[in-house]
């Protein structure tokens, strides 16, 4: 085979991952890339931005596009931006991974399918969390029902948590990618900056630590990021909407904030492989989740 033939046989493309909140999109991207690109938690709507996870092999470059979960239960400006960002990926990629949580099919899935019907690109339906299925005998008839809804290229049951059948899914994706030279250097694993990653890791610890509703009213902004004497010094602001929320984040005697900072620092030191000095501040920006100007200033934008 000539060098020219070798080059033309390389495959590369964007793979958009879409589904309702908490179906495992970010977990799957992290598994594919073998790197923590997207933060995860048990709470829906953890992912708020479009995030690229890049995996390069000898034959292919996969550019996975992790998106916020599609949801209709919140009407704030932040949620509208997240929905637009998620649905826009459908018309902006080479392959779609439409993810389901086990046997769940409802209004959200139907709405996503209606958007998918508007494009003509390969669509792979991914039935995730099969490790949680108590009665796996229901899976085959369910897959048959799903196959009647749309002409999917494949319907693949997987577990993003355990890795079950993910190798098979990767092969199916590769077969769908167009021939192209790589878009990114082979060592690159994401399009996001280190400052973005730091803010997301801190937000992940907040989401995993705090109560049910509070995580949706906070965001993190990096104020300072610099290395001095081989120590990475990071200063970050945790923005909340109300004084009562600030009190909860800080906790009695500052213990809650101290714990969150410790959890974040430990992970950041692993991520950067160096000592980290982390300072966290909690500030109030009233109504930021429903204020378009505030959202833009905090890095949230319509990525559609």
Protein backbone atom coordinates (compact mmCIF):
# COMPACT_ATOMS: atom_id res chain seq x y z
CA UNK A 1 0.00 0.00 0.00
CA UNK A 2 1.35 3.44 -0.93
CA UNK A 3 1.66 6.31 1.54
CA UNK A 4 -1.15 8.10 -0.26
CA UNK A 5 -3.44 5.09 0.14
CA UNK A 6 -2.54 4.84 3.83
CA UNK A 7 -3.42 8.49 4.34
CA UNK A 8 -6.75 8.24 2.55
CA UNK A 9 -7.79 5.21 4.61
CA UNK A 10 -7.47 7.14 7.90
CA UNK A 11 -10.83 8.05 9.40
CA UNK A 12 -11.76 11.08 11.44
CA UNK A 13 -15.00 12.73 12.46
CA UNK A 14 -17.16 14.32 15.13
CA UNK A 15 -19.43 12.06 17.17
CA UNK A 16 -22.24 13.87 18.95
CA UNK A 17 -23.56 12.22 22.11
CA UNK A 18 -27.10 13.21 23.00
CA UNK A 19 -29.69 12.07 25.50
CA UNK A 20 -31.63 13.07 28.61
CA UNK A 21 -29.70 14.13 31.74
CA UNK A 22 -27.82 11.45 33.65
CA UNK A 23 -27.83 8.76 30.95
CA UNK A 24 -24.04 8.40 31.17
CA UNK A 25 -22.78 10.55 28.29
CA UNK A 26 -19.85 12.03 30.22
CA UNK A 27 -18.92 8.66 31.72
CA UNK A 28 -18.76 7.18 28.22
CA UNK A 29 -16.60 10.02 26.86
CA UNK A 30 -14.17 9.69 29.77
CA UNK A 31 -13.98 5.93 29.17
CA UNK A 32 -13.33 6.30 25.44
CA UNK A 33 -10.63 8.92 25.94
CA UNK A 34 -9.17 7.20 29.04
CA UNK A 35 -8.95 10.63 30.62
CA UNK A 36 -11.27 12.70 32.78
CA UNK A 37 -12.64 15.20 30.28
CA UNK A 38 -16.14 15.70 31.64
CA UNK A 39 -17.16 15.84 35.29
CA UNK A 40 -19.74 13.36 36.54
CA UNK A 41 -22.18 13.12 39.42
CA UNK A 42 -25.40 11.33 40.24
CA UNK A 43 -27.28 14.59 39.72
CA UNK A 44 -28.93 15.38 36.38
CA UNK A 45 -27.63 18.33 34.34
CA UNK A 46 -24.07 18.05 35.62
CA UNK A 47 -22.69 18.83 32.14
CA UNK A 48 -23.43 22.43 31.12
CA UNK A 49 -21.14 22.95 28.11
CA UNK A 50 -20.26 21.30 24.84
CA UNK A 51 -16.99 19.48 25.55
CA UNK A 52 -14.76 17.64 23.09
CA UNK A 53 -13.05 14.38 24.03
CA UNK A 54 -10.47 13.29 21.46
CA UNK A 55 -9.19 9.75 20.97
CA UNK A 56 -6.58 8.97 18.31
CA UNK A 57 -5.65 5.44 17.21
CA UNK A 58 -3.50 4.18 14.32
CA UNK A 59 -6.56 4.06 12.04
CA UNK A 60 -8.93 6.73 13.35
CA UNK A 61 -9.43 9.92 15.30
CA UNK A 62 -12.68 10.07 17.25
CA UNK A 63 -13.81 13.54 18.29
CA UNK A 64 -16.56 12.94 20.83
CA UNK A 65 -18.87 15.86 21.56
CA UNK A 66 -20.28 15.61 25.09
CA UNK A 67 -23.40 17.72 25.52
CA UNK A 68 -25.73 18.81 28.32
CA UNK A 69 -28.70 16.52 28.92
CA UNK A 70 -31.87 17.50 27.07
CA UNK A 71 -34.55 18.45 29.60
CA UNK A 72 -37.78 20.42 29.71
CA UNK A 73 -38.48 20.74 33.43
CA UNK A 74 -36.56 24.00 33.99
CA UNK A 75 -37.28 27.25 32.13
CA UNK A 76 -34.32 29.40 33.23
CA UNK A 77 -32.06 31.08 30.67
CA UNK A 78 -29.25 28.72 31.70
CA UNK A 79 -31.40 25.68 30.90
CA UNK A 80 -32.48 27.13 27.56
CA UNK A 81 -28.82 27.61 26.61
CA UNK A 82 -28.05 24.02 27.65
CA UNK A 83 -30.91 22.60 25.56
CA UNK A 84 -29.93 24.62 22.47
CA UNK A 85 -26.33 23.49 22.87
CA UNK A 86 -27.38 19.83 23.13
CA UNK A 87 -29.84 19.77 20.23
CA UNK A 88 -27.59 21.79 17.90
CA UNK A 89 -25.01 19.00 17.90
CA UNK A 90 -27.38 16.87 15.80
CA UNK A 91 -26.79 18.96 12.68
CA UNK A 92 -23.12 19.59 13.38
CA UNK A 93 -21.49 16.15 13.54
CA UNK A 94 -20.66 13.12 11.37
CA UNK A 95 -22.18 10.46 13.64
CA UNK A 96 -24.80 10.62 16.41
CA UNK A 97 -24.79 8.47 19.54
CA UNK A 98 -28.33 8.65 20.91
CA UNK A 99 -28.08 7.36 24.50
CA UNK A 100 -30.84 5.83 26.58
CA UNK A 101 -30.94 4.91 30.25
CA UNK A 102 -31.82 1.22 30.10
CA UNK A 103 -35.47 0.76 29.02
CA UNK A 104 -36.46 4.40 29.43
CA UNK A 105 -38.28 6.07 26.52
CA UNK A 106 -40.40 9.15 27.11
CA UNK A 107 -41.21 12.61 25.78
CA UNK A 108 -37.58 13.72 25.85
CA UNK A 109 -36.43 10.75 23.75
CA UNK A 110 -39.30 11.32 21.32
CA UNK A 111 -38.35 15.00 20.97
CA UNK A 112 -34.71 14.08 20.30
CA UNK A 113 -35.83 11.53 17.69
CA UNK A 114 -37.88 14.22 15.93
CA UNK A 115 -34.73 16.37 15.66
CA UNK A 116 -32.68 13.40 14.43
CA UNK A 117 -35.29 12.81 11.71
CA UNK A 118 -34.28 16.16 10.20
CA UNK A 119 -30.75 15.00 9.30
CA UNK A 120 -29.33 12.16 7.23
CA UNK A 121 -26.22 10.96 9.05
CA UNK A 122 -25.45 7.66 10.82
CA UNK A 123 -27.29 7.29 14.12
CA UNK A 124 -26.28 4.65 16.66
CA UNK A 125 -28.71 4.03 19.49
CA UNK A 126 -26.82 3.24 22.70
CA UNK A 127 -28.75 1.52 25.49
CA UNK A 128 -26.63 2.28 28.57
CA UNK A 129 -26.53 0.96 32.15
CA UNK A 130 -27.38 -2.62 31.22
CA UNK A 131 -25.37 -3.66 34.29
CA UNK A 132 -28.30 -2.27 36.32
CA UNK A 133 -30.94 -4.31 34.51
CA UNK A 134 -32.42 -6.86 36.90
CA UNK A 135 -34.25 -8.73 34.16
CA UNK A 136 -32.09 -8.80 31.02
CA UNK A 137 -34.62 -10.97 29.19
CA UNK A 138 -36.56 -7.74 28.57
CA UNK A 139 -33.67 -6.29 26.56
CA UNK A 140 -34.14 -8.15 23.25
CA UNK A 141 -37.86 -7.40 22.82
CA UNK A 142 -37.14 -3.80 23.82
CA UNK A 143 -34.43 -3.51 21.16
CA UNK A 144 -36.92 -4.88 18.62
CA UNK A 145 -39.40 -2.17 19.62
CA UNK A 146 -36.72 0.51 19.32
CA UNK A 147 -35.73 -0.71 15.84
CA UNK A 148 -39.25 0.06 14.66
CA UNK A 149 -39.02 3.72 15.72
CA UNK A 150 -36.20 4.69 13.35
CA UNK A 151 -33.69 3.15 10.95
CA UNK A 152 -30.74 3.19 13.37
CA UNK A 153 -27.39 2.04 11.98
CA UNK A 154 -27.03 -0.13 15.09
CA UNK A 155 -28.63 -0.54 18.50
CA UNK A 156 -25.88 -1.32 21.02
CA UNK A 157 -26.52 -2.25 24.68
CA UNK A 158 -23.54 -1.22 26.82
CA UNK A 159 -22.37 -0.30 30.29
CA UNK A 160 -20.26 2.86 30.27
CA UNK A 161 -19.51 2.21 33.94
CA UNK A 162 -18.06 -1.31 33.52
CA UNK A 163 -16.97 -0.98 29.89
CA UNK A 164 -19.18 -3.87 28.72
CA UNK A 165 -19.53 -3.85 24.89
CA UNK A 166 -17.82 -0.45 24.58
CA UNK A 167 -15.09 -1.94 22.33
CA UNK A 168 -17.83 -3.15 19.99
CA UNK A 169 -19.41 0.29 20.02
CA UNK A 170 -16.08 1.90 19.13
CA UNK A 171 -15.70 -0.42 16.12
CA UNK A 172 -19.22 0.46 14.92
CA UNK A 173 -18.49 4.18 15.28
CA UNK A 174 -15.22 3.80 13.37
CA UNK A 175 -17.05 2.11 10.49
CA UNK A 176 -19.36 5.14 10.27
CA UNK A 177 -16.65 7.83 10.25
CA UNK A 178 -15.66 9.51 6.98
CA UNK A 179 -12.17 9.19 5.57
CA UNK A 180 -10.18 12.23 6.63
CA UNK A 181 -6.87 13.28 8.05
CA UNK A 182 -6.93 13.98 11.82
CA UNK A 183 -8.24 17.35 13.00
CA UNK A 184 -6.16 17.45 16.19
CA UNK A 185 -2.63 16.45 17.25
CA UNK A 186 -2.59 12.80 18.40
CA UNK A 187 -1.65 13.72 21.99
CA UNK A 188 -4.55 16.20 22.42
CA UNK A 189 -7.50 14.84 24.43
CA UNK A 190 -9.83 17.87 24.72
CA UNK A 191 -10.48 21.35 23.38
CA UNK A 192 -10.95 22.87 26.82
CA UNK A 193 -8.35 24.96 28.68
CA UNK A 194 -6.77 23.98 31.97
CA UNK A 195 -8.68 26.80 33.67
CA UNK A 196 -11.96 25.31 32.42
CA UNK A 197 -10.98 21.86 33.71
CA UNK A 198 -10.11 23.31 37.13
CA UNK A 199 -13.46 25.13 37.39
CA UNK A 200 -15.33 21.95 36.43
CA UNK A 201 -13.49 19.79 38.96
CA UNK A 202 -14.37 22.25 41.73
CA UNK A 203 -17.99 22.32 40.55
CA UNK A 204 -18.08 18.52 40.54
CA UNK A 205 -17.09 18.45 44.23
CA UNK A 206 -19.80 21.00 44.99
CA UNK A 207 -22.41 18.94 43.16
CA UNK A 208 -21.40 15.76 44.93
CA UNK A 209 -21.31 17.38 48.36
CA UNK A 210 -24.24 19.79 48.55
CA UNK A 211 -28.02 19.35 48.83
CA UNK A 212 -30.53 18.57 46.13
CA UNK A 213 -31.26 22.00 44.59
CA UNK A 214 -28.27 24.16 45.52
CA UNK A 215 -25.82 22.80 42.88
CA UNK A 216 -28.05 24.18 40.11
CA UNK A 217 -27.73 27.71 41.54
CA UNK A 218 -23.94 27.83 41.61
CA UNK A 219 -21.08 28.05 39.18
CA UNK A 220 -17.30 28.41 39.45
CA UNK A 221 -15.03 31.05 37.94
CA UNK A 222 -11.23 30.89 38.04
CA UNK A 223 -9.78 34.17 39.28
CA UNK A 224 -6.09 33.28 39.30
CA UNK A 225 -4.05 30.39 37.86
CA UNK A 226 -0.24 30.48 38.04
CA UNK A 227 2.75 28.39 39.01
CA UNK A 228 5.21 29.74 41.56
CA UNK A 229 8.13 27.79 43.05
CA UNK A 230 6.80 24.58 41.41
CA UNK A 231 3.42 24.99 43.20
CA UNK A 232 0.27 25.65 41.19
CA UNK A 233 -1.61 28.51 42.87
CA UNK A 234 -5.32 28.64 42.03
CA UNK A 235 -7.91 31.12 43.27
CA UNK A 236 -11.54 30.44 42.37
CA UNK A 237 -14.88 32.12 43.03
CA UNK A 238 -18.00 30.05 43.71
CA UNK A 239 -20.96 32.13 42.58
CA UNK A 240 -24.37 31.57 44.19
CA UNK A 241 -27.67 33.45 43.88
CA UNK A 242 -28.67 34.15 47.48
CA UNK A 243 -27.14 34.82 50.90
CA UNK A 244 -28.67 31.65 52.34
CA UNK A 245 -26.90 29.60 49.66
CA UNK A 246 -23.58 31.24 50.52
CA UNK A 247 -24.05 30.26 54.17
CA UNK A 248 -24.71 26.62 53.16
CA UNK A 249 -21.66 26.41 50.87
CA UNK A 250 -19.37 27.81 53.56
CA UNK A 251 -20.89 25.67 56.32
CA UNK A 252 -20.54 26.00 60.08
CA UNK A 253 -17.14 27.43 60.90
CA UNK A 254 -16.19 27.14 57.22
CA UNK A 255 -16.04 23.33 57.44
CA UNK A 256 -18.14 22.65 54.33
CA UNK A 257 -16.02 24.90 52.11
CA UNK A 258 -12.84 23.48 53.61
CA UNK A 259 -13.96 19.93 52.77
CA UNK A 260 -14.92 20.86 49.22
CA UNK A 261 -11.55 22.57 48.77
CA UNK A 262 -9.70 19.51 50.04
CA UNK A 263 -11.56 17.15 47.69
CA UNK A 264 -10.88 19.44 44.74
CA UNK A 265 -7.22 19.96 45.62
CA UNK A 266 -6.53 16.22 45.88
CA UNK A 267 -7.97 15.62 42.41
CA UNK A 268 -6.24 18.67 40.92
CA UNK A 269 -2.87 17.46 42.23
CA UNK A 270 -3.45 14.12 40.50
CA UNK A 271 -4.56 15.85 37.31
CA UNK A 272 -1.59 18.23 37.10
CA UNK A 273 0.89 15.93 38.85
CA UNK A 274 2.13 18.74 41.06
CA UNK A 275 1.38 20.38 44.39
CA UNK A 276 -1.63 22.70 44.34
CA UNK A 277 -2.50 25.59 46.62
CA UNK A 278 -6.23 26.24 46.23
CA UNK A 279 -8.19 29.22 47.55
CA UNK A 280 -11.98 29.27 47.30
CA UNK A 281 -14.24 32.28 47.77
CA UNK A 282 -18.04 32.32 47.82
CA UNK A 283 -19.81 35.34 46.32
CA UNK A 284 -23.38 36.30 45.44
CA UNK A 285 -24.63 37.23 41.96
CA UNK A 286 -28.40 37.43 42.30
CA UNK A 287 -30.45 35.64 39.64
CA UNK A 288 -27.45 34.73 37.47
CA UNK A 289 -29.08 31.51 36.17
CA UNK A 290 -31.84 33.56 34.50
CA UNK A 291 -29.81 36.59 33.37
CA UNK A 292 -28.31 36.35 29.88
CA UNK A 293 -25.71 39.05 30.50
CA UNK A 294 -24.58 37.38 33.73
CA UNK A 295 -24.46 34.01 32.00
CA UNK A 296 -22.22 35.39 29.23
CA UNK A 297 -19.90 36.97 31.80
CA UNK A 298 -19.57 33.60 33.52
CA UNK A 299 -18.70 31.75 30.31
CA UNK A 300 -22.12 30.38 29.38
CA UNK A 301 -23.08 30.97 25.78
CA UNK A 302 -25.41 29.59 23.15
CA UNK A 303 -23.15 27.05 21.39
CA UNK A 304 -25.79 26.10 18.83
